[in-house]
Amino acid sequence: MTETRILYVRLPCNPIFPIGVVYLADHIHKLFPEVGQRIFDLGTVPPLDFASALDACVDEFKPTLLVFSWRDIQIYAPVGGRGGNPLQHAFEFYYAPNPLIRLRGAMGVCASLPPTIRNSGVTWD
């Protein structure tokens, strides 16, 4: 039988609550202590080395499950002027009784996503 190994990859987001993956790994360990786990923090790697560092970690650890942690609470907070005020837009979308205000909130949330993704340092090939 194949040994289960989980590799958690914390993506290089703003480090507001980067410990979420630690809580998850701890919970998995408490339930399944025989599962091998490793946390790889891309936030500690220079951006030009992301791909090679992740490849090396995967080759060394040989995970059976790869988990990406993108816990960046700032995407919902009015920080850095990224797309206006995403927190306000989210509240308008979810809670406004006026459908036009809800639409404005939805459009604001969508407008804030590209800068947030672009600023996260994540690239897709």
N, C-alpha and C. Protein backbone atom coordinates (compact mmCIF):
# COMPACT_ATOMS: atom_id res chain seq x y z
N MET A 1 0.83 -1.18 0.00
CA MET A 1 0.00 0.00 0.00
C MET A 1 0.88 1.25 0.00
N THR A 2 0.47 2.26 -0.77
CA THR A 2 1.23 3.50 -0.89
C THR A 2 1.06 4.36 0.35
N GLU A 3 2.17 4.87 0.84
CA GLU A 3 2.12 5.77 1.99
C GLU A 3 1.54 7.11 1.55
N THR A 4 0.59 7.61 2.30
CA THR A 4 -0.02 8.91 1.99
C THR A 4 0.89 10.02 2.47
N ARG A 5 1.15 10.97 1.56
CA ARG A 5 1.98 12.13 1.88
C ARG A 5 1.29 13.37 1.35
N ILE A 6 1.17 14.35 2.20
CA ILE A 6 0.52 15.61 1.81
C ILE A 6 1.56 16.72 1.82
N LEU A 7 1.65 17.41 0.69
CA LEU A 7 2.52 18.58 0.60
C LEU A 7 1.62 19.81 0.52
N TYR A 8 1.72 20.66 1.54
CA TYR A 8 0.98 21.93 1.56
C TYR A 8 1.91 23.00 0.99
N VAL A 9 1.43 23.72 0.01
CA VAL A 9 2.21 24.79 -0.59
C VAL A 9 1.52 26.11 -0.26
N ARG A 10 2.17 26.91 0.59
CA ARG A 10 1.61 28.22 0.90
C ARG A 10 2.09 29.18 -0.17
N LEU A 11 1.12 29.73 -0.90
CA LEU A 11 1.44 30.64 -1.98
C LEU A 11 1.90 31.99 -1.43
N PRO A 12 2.67 32.73 -2.19
CA PRO A 12 3.27 33.98 -1.69
C PRO A 12 2.26 35.14 -1.67
N CYS A 13 1.30 35.05 -0.77
CA CYS A 13 0.31 36.11 -0.59
C CYS A 13 0.73 36.99 0.57
N ASN A 14 -0.03 38.04 0.79
CA ASN A 14 0.25 38.90 1.94
C ASN A 14 0.11 38.08 3.22
N PRO A 15 1.11 38.09 4.07
CA PRO A 15 1.13 37.22 5.25
C PRO A 15 0.27 37.72 6.41
N ILE A 16 -1.03 37.81 6.19
CA ILE A 16 -1.92 38.25 7.27
C ILE A 16 -2.25 37.06 8.17
N PHE A 17 -2.76 35.97 7.60
CA PHE A 17 -3.06 34.77 8.37
C PHE A 17 -2.43 33.56 7.69
N PRO A 18 -1.10 33.50 7.63
CA PRO A 18 -0.47 32.37 6.93
C PRO A 18 -0.49 31.09 7.74
N ILE A 19 -1.04 31.10 8.95
CA ILE A 19 -0.99 29.91 9.79
C ILE A 19 -2.15 28.96 9.54
N GLY A 20 -3.08 29.31 8.63
CA GLY A 20 -4.21 28.43 8.34
C GLY A 20 -3.76 27.05 7.92
N VAL A 21 -2.72 26.98 7.11
CA VAL A 21 -2.21 25.69 6.66
C VAL A 21 -1.61 24.91 7.83
N VAL A 22 -1.06 25.60 8.80
CA VAL A 22 -0.52 24.93 9.98
C VAL A 22 -1.65 24.29 10.79
N TYR A 23 -2.76 25.01 10.94
CA TYR A 23 -3.92 24.43 11.63
C TYR A 23 -4.44 23.20 10.90
N LEU A 24 -4.50 23.28 9.56
CA LEU A 24 -4.97 22.15 8.78
C LEU A 24 -4.04 20.95 8.95
N ALA A 25 -2.74 21.18 8.85
CA ALA A 25 -1.78 20.09 9.01
C ALA A 25 -1.88 19.48 10.41
N ASP A 26 -2.06 20.32 11.42
CA ASP A 26 -2.20 19.83 12.79
C ASP A 26 -3.45 18.97 12.93
N HIS A 27 -4.55 19.42 12.33
CA HIS A 27 -5.80 18.67 12.40
C HIS A 27 -5.65 17.30 11.71
N ILE A 28 -5.04 17.31 10.54
CA ILE A 28 -4.81 16.05 9.82
C ILE A 28 -3.93 15.12 10.65
N HIS A 29 -2.91 15.67 11.28
CA HIS A 29 -2.01 14.85 12.11
C HIS A 29 -2.76 14.23 13.29
N LYS A 30 -3.65 14.99 13.89
CA LYS A 30 -4.42 14.46 15.03
C LYS A 30 -5.34 13.32 14.60
N LEU A 31 -5.91 13.44 13.41
CA LEU A 31 -6.83 12.40 12.92
C LEU A 31 -6.10 11.22 12.29
N PHE A 32 -5.01 11.52 11.57
CA PHE A 32 -4.28 10.49 10.83
C PHE A 32 -2.78 10.66 11.07
N PRO A 33 -2.29 10.27 12.24
CA PRO A 33 -0.87 10.50 12.56
C PRO A 33 0.10 9.78 11.64
N GLU A 34 -0.36 8.77 10.92
CA GLU A 34 0.52 8.03 10.02
C GLU A 34 0.76 8.75 8.68
N VAL A 35 0.00 9.80 8.40
CA VAL A 35 0.14 10.53 7.13
C VAL A 35 1.36 11.44 7.19
N GLY A 36 2.23 11.31 6.19
CA GLY A 36 3.39 12.19 6.10
C GLY A 36 2.95 13.56 5.59
N GLN A 37 3.47 14.61 6.19
CA GLN A 37 3.08 15.96 5.81
C GLN A 37 4.32 16.86 5.75
N ARG A 38 4.25 17.82 4.85
CA ARG A 38 5.29 18.84 4.76
C ARG A 38 4.63 20.14 4.31
N ILE A 39 5.10 21.25 4.86
CA ILE A 39 4.63 22.57 4.46
C ILE A 39 5.77 23.26 3.72
N PHE A 40 5.48 23.70 2.50
CA PHE A 40 6.47 24.42 1.70
C PHE A 40 5.96 25.84 1.50
N ASP A 41 6.69 26.80 2.01
CA ASP A 41 6.26 28.20 1.98
C ASP A 41 6.95 28.92 0.82
N LEU A 42 6.17 29.17 -0.24
CA LEU A 42 6.74 29.89 -1.39
C LEU A 42 7.05 31.34 -1.05
N GLY A 43 6.52 31.83 0.07
CA GLY A 43 6.82 33.19 0.49
C GLY A 43 8.26 33.38 0.90
N THR A 44 8.97 32.28 1.09
CA THR A 44 10.39 32.36 1.48
C THR A 44 11.33 32.16 0.30
N VAL A 45 10.74 32.04 -0.90
CA VAL A 45 11.52 31.76 -2.10
C VAL A 45 11.48 32.97 -3.02
N PRO A 46 12.59 33.37 -3.61
CA PRO A 46 12.56 34.47 -4.57
C PRO A 46 11.64 34.12 -5.75
N PRO A 47 10.86 35.08 -6.24
CA PRO A 47 9.89 34.80 -7.31
C PRO A 47 10.46 34.09 -8.54
N LEU A 48 11.68 34.40 -8.91
CA LEU A 48 12.26 33.75 -10.09
C LEU A 48 12.57 32.27 -9.85
N ASP A 49 12.58 31.86 -8.58
CA ASP A 49 12.91 30.48 -8.24
C ASP A 49 11.69 29.65 -7.86
N PHE A 50 10.47 30.21 -7.98
CA PHE A 50 9.25 29.49 -7.57
C PHE A 50 9.17 28.10 -8.20
N ALA A 51 9.23 28.05 -9.52
CA ALA A 51 9.03 26.78 -10.23
C ALA A 51 10.09 25.75 -9.86
N SER A 52 11.35 26.14 -9.89
CA SER A 52 12.41 25.17 -9.60
C SER A 52 12.38 24.71 -8.14
N ALA A 53 12.07 25.63 -7.23
CA ALA A 53 12.02 25.26 -5.81
C ALA A 53 10.86 24.30 -5.54
N LEU A 54 9.71 24.57 -6.16
CA LEU A 54 8.56 23.68 -5.97
C LEU A 54 8.83 22.32 -6.61
N ASP A 55 9.42 22.32 -7.80
CA ASP A 55 9.78 21.04 -8.44
C ASP A 55 10.71 20.23 -7.56
N ALA A 56 11.71 20.88 -6.98
CA ALA A 56 12.67 20.17 -6.13
C ALA A 56 11.98 19.60 -4.89
N CYS A 57 11.08 20.37 -4.30
CA CYS A 57 10.37 19.90 -3.10
C CYS A 57 9.48 18.71 -3.43
N VAL A 58 8.77 18.78 -4.55
CA VAL A 58 7.90 17.68 -4.96
C VAL A 58 8.74 16.44 -5.26
N ASP A 59 9.85 16.60 -5.98
CA ASP A 59 10.71 15.47 -6.30
C ASP A 59 11.28 14.80 -5.05
N GLU A 60 11.63 15.61 -4.06
CA GLU A 60 12.21 15.06 -2.83
C GLU A 60 11.16 14.38 -1.95
N PHE A 61 10.00 15.04 -1.76
CA PHE A 61 9.00 14.54 -0.82
C PHE A 61 8.07 13.50 -1.45
N LYS A 62 7.84 13.59 -2.75
CA LYS A 62 6.97 12.69 -3.50
C LYS A 62 5.57 12.60 -2.87
N PRO A 63 4.85 13.73 -2.84
CA PRO A 63 3.52 13.72 -2.21
C PRO A 63 2.49 12.95 -3.04
N THR A 64 1.51 12.39 -2.34
CA THR A 64 0.37 11.78 -3.03
C THR A 64 -0.77 12.78 -3.15
N LEU A 65 -0.68 13.86 -2.39
CA LEU A 65 -1.68 14.93 -2.43
C LEU A 65 -0.96 16.26 -2.32
N LEU A 66 -1.30 17.17 -3.22
CA LEU A 66 -0.70 18.50 -3.24
C LEU A 66 -1.80 19.50 -2.90
N VAL A 67 -1.60 20.29 -1.84
CA VAL A 67 -2.60 21.26 -1.38
C VAL A 67 -2.00 22.65 -1.46
N PHE A 68 -2.73 23.56 -2.12
CA PHE A 68 -2.29 24.95 -2.21
C PHE A 68 -3.06 25.79 -1.23
N SER A 69 -2.37 26.56 -0.42
CA SER A 69 -2.99 27.44 0.56
C SER A 69 -2.85 28.87 0.09
N TRP A 70 -3.99 29.49 -0.21
CA TRP A 70 -4.00 30.86 -0.68
C TRP A 70 -4.81 31.69 0.30
N ARG A 71 -4.38 31.72 1.52
CA ARG A 71 -5.11 32.42 2.58
C ARG A 71 -4.61 33.85 2.63
N ASP A 72 -5.31 34.73 1.97
CA ASP A 72 -4.92 36.13 1.91
C ASP A 72 -6.14 36.97 2.25
N ILE A 73 -6.34 37.24 3.51
CA ILE A 73 -7.53 37.96 3.93
C ILE A 73 -7.56 39.39 3.38
N GLN A 74 -6.43 39.89 2.94
CA GLN A 74 -6.40 41.26 2.44
C GLN A 74 -7.18 41.44 1.14
N ILE A 75 -7.51 40.37 0.43
CA ILE A 75 -8.27 40.56 -0.80
C ILE A 75 -9.66 41.10 -0.49
N TYR A 76 -10.10 40.97 0.76
CA TYR A 76 -11.41 41.48 1.15
C TYR A 76 -11.32 42.75 1.99
N ALA A 77 -10.15 43.28 2.13
CA ALA A 77 -9.96 44.46 2.96
C ALA A 77 -9.51 45.64 2.11
N PRO A 78 -9.84 46.85 2.55
CA PRO A 78 -9.44 48.03 1.77
C PRO A 78 -7.98 48.37 1.99
N VAL A 79 -7.09 47.58 1.38
CA VAL A 79 -5.67 47.74 1.57
C VAL A 79 -4.99 48.03 0.23
N GLY A 80 -4.16 49.04 0.19
CA GLY A 80 -3.33 49.28 -0.97
C GLY A 80 -4.04 49.79 -2.21
N GLY A 81 -5.32 50.12 -2.11
CA GLY A 81 -6.04 50.65 -3.25
C GLY A 81 -6.22 49.67 -4.39
N ARG A 82 -6.17 48.37 -4.10
CA ARG A 82 -6.31 47.37 -5.15
C ARG A 82 -7.79 47.23 -5.51
N GLY A 83 -8.22 47.89 -6.59
CA GLY A 83 -9.60 47.72 -7.05
C GLY A 83 -10.61 48.44 -6.20
N GLY A 84 -10.21 49.52 -5.55
CA GLY A 84 -11.17 50.26 -4.73
C GLY A 84 -11.27 49.68 -3.35
N ASN A 85 -12.48 49.39 -2.91
CA ASN A 85 -12.73 48.88 -1.58
C ASN A 85 -13.43 47.53 -1.69
N PRO A 86 -12.69 46.43 -1.81
CA PRO A 86 -13.31 45.12 -1.98
C PRO A 86 -14.23 44.72 -0.83
N LEU A 87 -13.93 45.15 0.39
CA LEU A 87 -14.79 44.81 1.52
C LEU A 87 -16.17 45.45 1.34
N GLN A 88 -16.19 46.72 0.97
CA GLN A 88 -17.47 47.40 0.72
C GLN A 88 -18.23 46.71 -0.41
N HIS A 89 -17.53 46.37 -1.49
CA HIS A 89 -18.19 45.71 -2.62
C HIS A 89 -18.80 44.37 -2.19
N ALA A 90 -18.07 43.60 -1.39
CA ALA A 90 -18.58 42.31 -0.95
C ALA A 90 -19.83 42.48 -0.10
N PHE A 91 -19.82 43.45 0.81
CA PHE A 91 -21.00 43.67 1.64
C PHE A 91 -22.18 44.14 0.80
N GLU A 92 -21.92 45.00 -0.18
CA GLU A 92 -23.00 45.44 -1.06
C GLU A 92 -23.59 44.25 -1.81
N PHE A 93 -22.72 43.39 -2.33
CA PHE A 93 -23.18 42.24 -3.10
C PHE A 93 -24.03 41.30 -2.25
N TYR A 94 -23.58 40.99 -1.05
CA TYR A 94 -24.28 40.01 -0.22
C TYR A 94 -25.48 40.57 0.54
N TYR A 95 -25.43 41.83 0.94
CA TYR A 95 -26.43 42.30 1.89
C TYR A 95 -27.31 43.46 1.44
N ALA A 96 -27.02 44.11 0.31
CA ALA A 96 -27.83 45.27 -0.09
C ALA A 96 -29.22 44.82 -0.53
N PRO A 97 -30.28 45.48 -0.02
CA PRO A 97 -31.63 45.12 -0.45
C PRO A 97 -31.93 45.60 -1.88
N ASN A 98 -31.25 46.64 -2.32
CA ASN A 98 -31.47 47.20 -3.65
C ASN A 98 -30.67 46.38 -4.67
N PRO A 99 -31.36 45.80 -5.70
CA PRO A 99 -30.65 44.98 -6.69
C PRO A 99 -29.59 45.75 -7.47
N LEU A 100 -29.78 47.05 -7.67
CA LEU A 100 -28.78 47.83 -8.38
C LEU A 100 -27.51 47.99 -7.55
N ILE A 101 -27.68 48.16 -6.25
CA ILE A 101 -26.52 48.24 -5.35
C ILE A 101 -25.81 46.88 -5.32
N ARG A 102 -26.58 45.80 -5.33
CA ARG A 102 -25.98 44.45 -5.35
C ARG A 102 -25.17 44.25 -6.63
N LEU A 103 -25.71 44.74 -7.75
CA LEU A 103 -25.00 44.64 -9.03
C LEU A 103 -23.70 45.45 -8.98
N ARG A 104 -23.79 46.67 -8.40
CA ARG A 104 -22.58 47.49 -8.26
C ARG A 104 -21.54 46.76 -7.42
N GLY A 105 -21.99 46.11 -6.34
CA GLY A 105 -21.07 45.35 -5.49
C GLY A 105 -20.43 44.20 -6.24
N ALA A 106 -21.22 43.48 -7.03
CA ALA A 106 -20.69 42.35 -7.81
C ALA A 106 -19.65 42.83 -8.81
N MET A 107 -19.94 43.94 -9.47
CA MET A 107 -19.00 44.48 -10.44
C MET A 107 -17.72 44.94 -9.75
N GLY A 108 -17.86 45.53 -8.57
CA GLY A 108 -16.68 45.96 -7.82
C GLY A 108 -15.80 44.80 -7.38
N VAL A 109 -16.44 43.70 -6.94
CA VAL A 109 -15.67 42.52 -6.54
C VAL A 109 -14.92 41.97 -7.75
N CYS A 110 -15.61 41.86 -8.88
CA CYS A 110 -14.96 41.34 -10.10
C CYS A 110 -13.81 42.24 -10.54
N ALA A 111 -13.99 43.55 -10.39
CA ALA A 111 -12.94 44.49 -10.78
C ALA A 111 -11.72 44.37 -9.88
N SER A 112 -11.91 43.95 -8.64
CA SER A 112 -10.79 43.86 -7.70
C SER A 112 -10.00 42.58 -7.86
N LEU A 113 -10.54 41.57 -8.56
CA LEU A 113 -9.83 40.29 -8.67
C LEU A 113 -8.56 40.36 -9.51
N PRO A 114 -8.57 40.93 -10.72
CA PRO A 114 -7.32 40.93 -11.50
C PRO A 114 -6.14 41.59 -10.79
N PRO A 115 -6.31 42.78 -10.17
CA PRO A 115 -5.14 43.34 -9.46
C PRO A 115 -4.69 42.47 -8.29
N THR A 116 -5.64 41.82 -7.62
CA THR A 116 -5.30 40.98 -6.49
C THR A 116 -4.48 39.78 -6.95
N ILE A 117 -4.93 39.15 -8.03
CA ILE A 117 -4.19 38.00 -8.55
C ILE A 117 -2.84 38.44 -9.09
N ARG A 118 -2.81 39.56 -9.79
CA ARG A 118 -1.56 40.07 -10.35
C ARG A 118 -0.57 40.41 -9.24
N ASN A 119 -1.04 40.98 -8.15
CA ASN A 119 -0.16 41.37 -7.03
C ASN A 119 0.27 40.21 -6.16
N SER A 120 -0.36 39.04 -6.33
CA SER A 120 -0.03 37.91 -5.48
C SER A 120 1.29 37.23 -5.89
N GLY A 121 1.75 37.50 -7.12
CA GLY A 121 2.98 36.88 -7.59
C GLY A 121 2.78 35.51 -8.22
N VAL A 122 1.53 35.03 -8.27
CA VAL A 122 1.24 33.74 -8.86
C VAL A 122 1.20 33.90 -10.38
N THR A 123 1.83 32.98 -11.07
CA THR A 123 1.81 33.00 -12.53
C THR A 123 1.32 31.65 -13.04
N TRP A 124 0.68 31.69 -14.18
CA TRP A 124 0.24 30.47 -14.83
C TRP A 124 0.93 30.38 -16.17
N ASP A 125 1.52 29.22 -16.45
CA ASP A 125 2.20 29.00 -17.73
C ASP A 125 1.28 28.30 -18.69
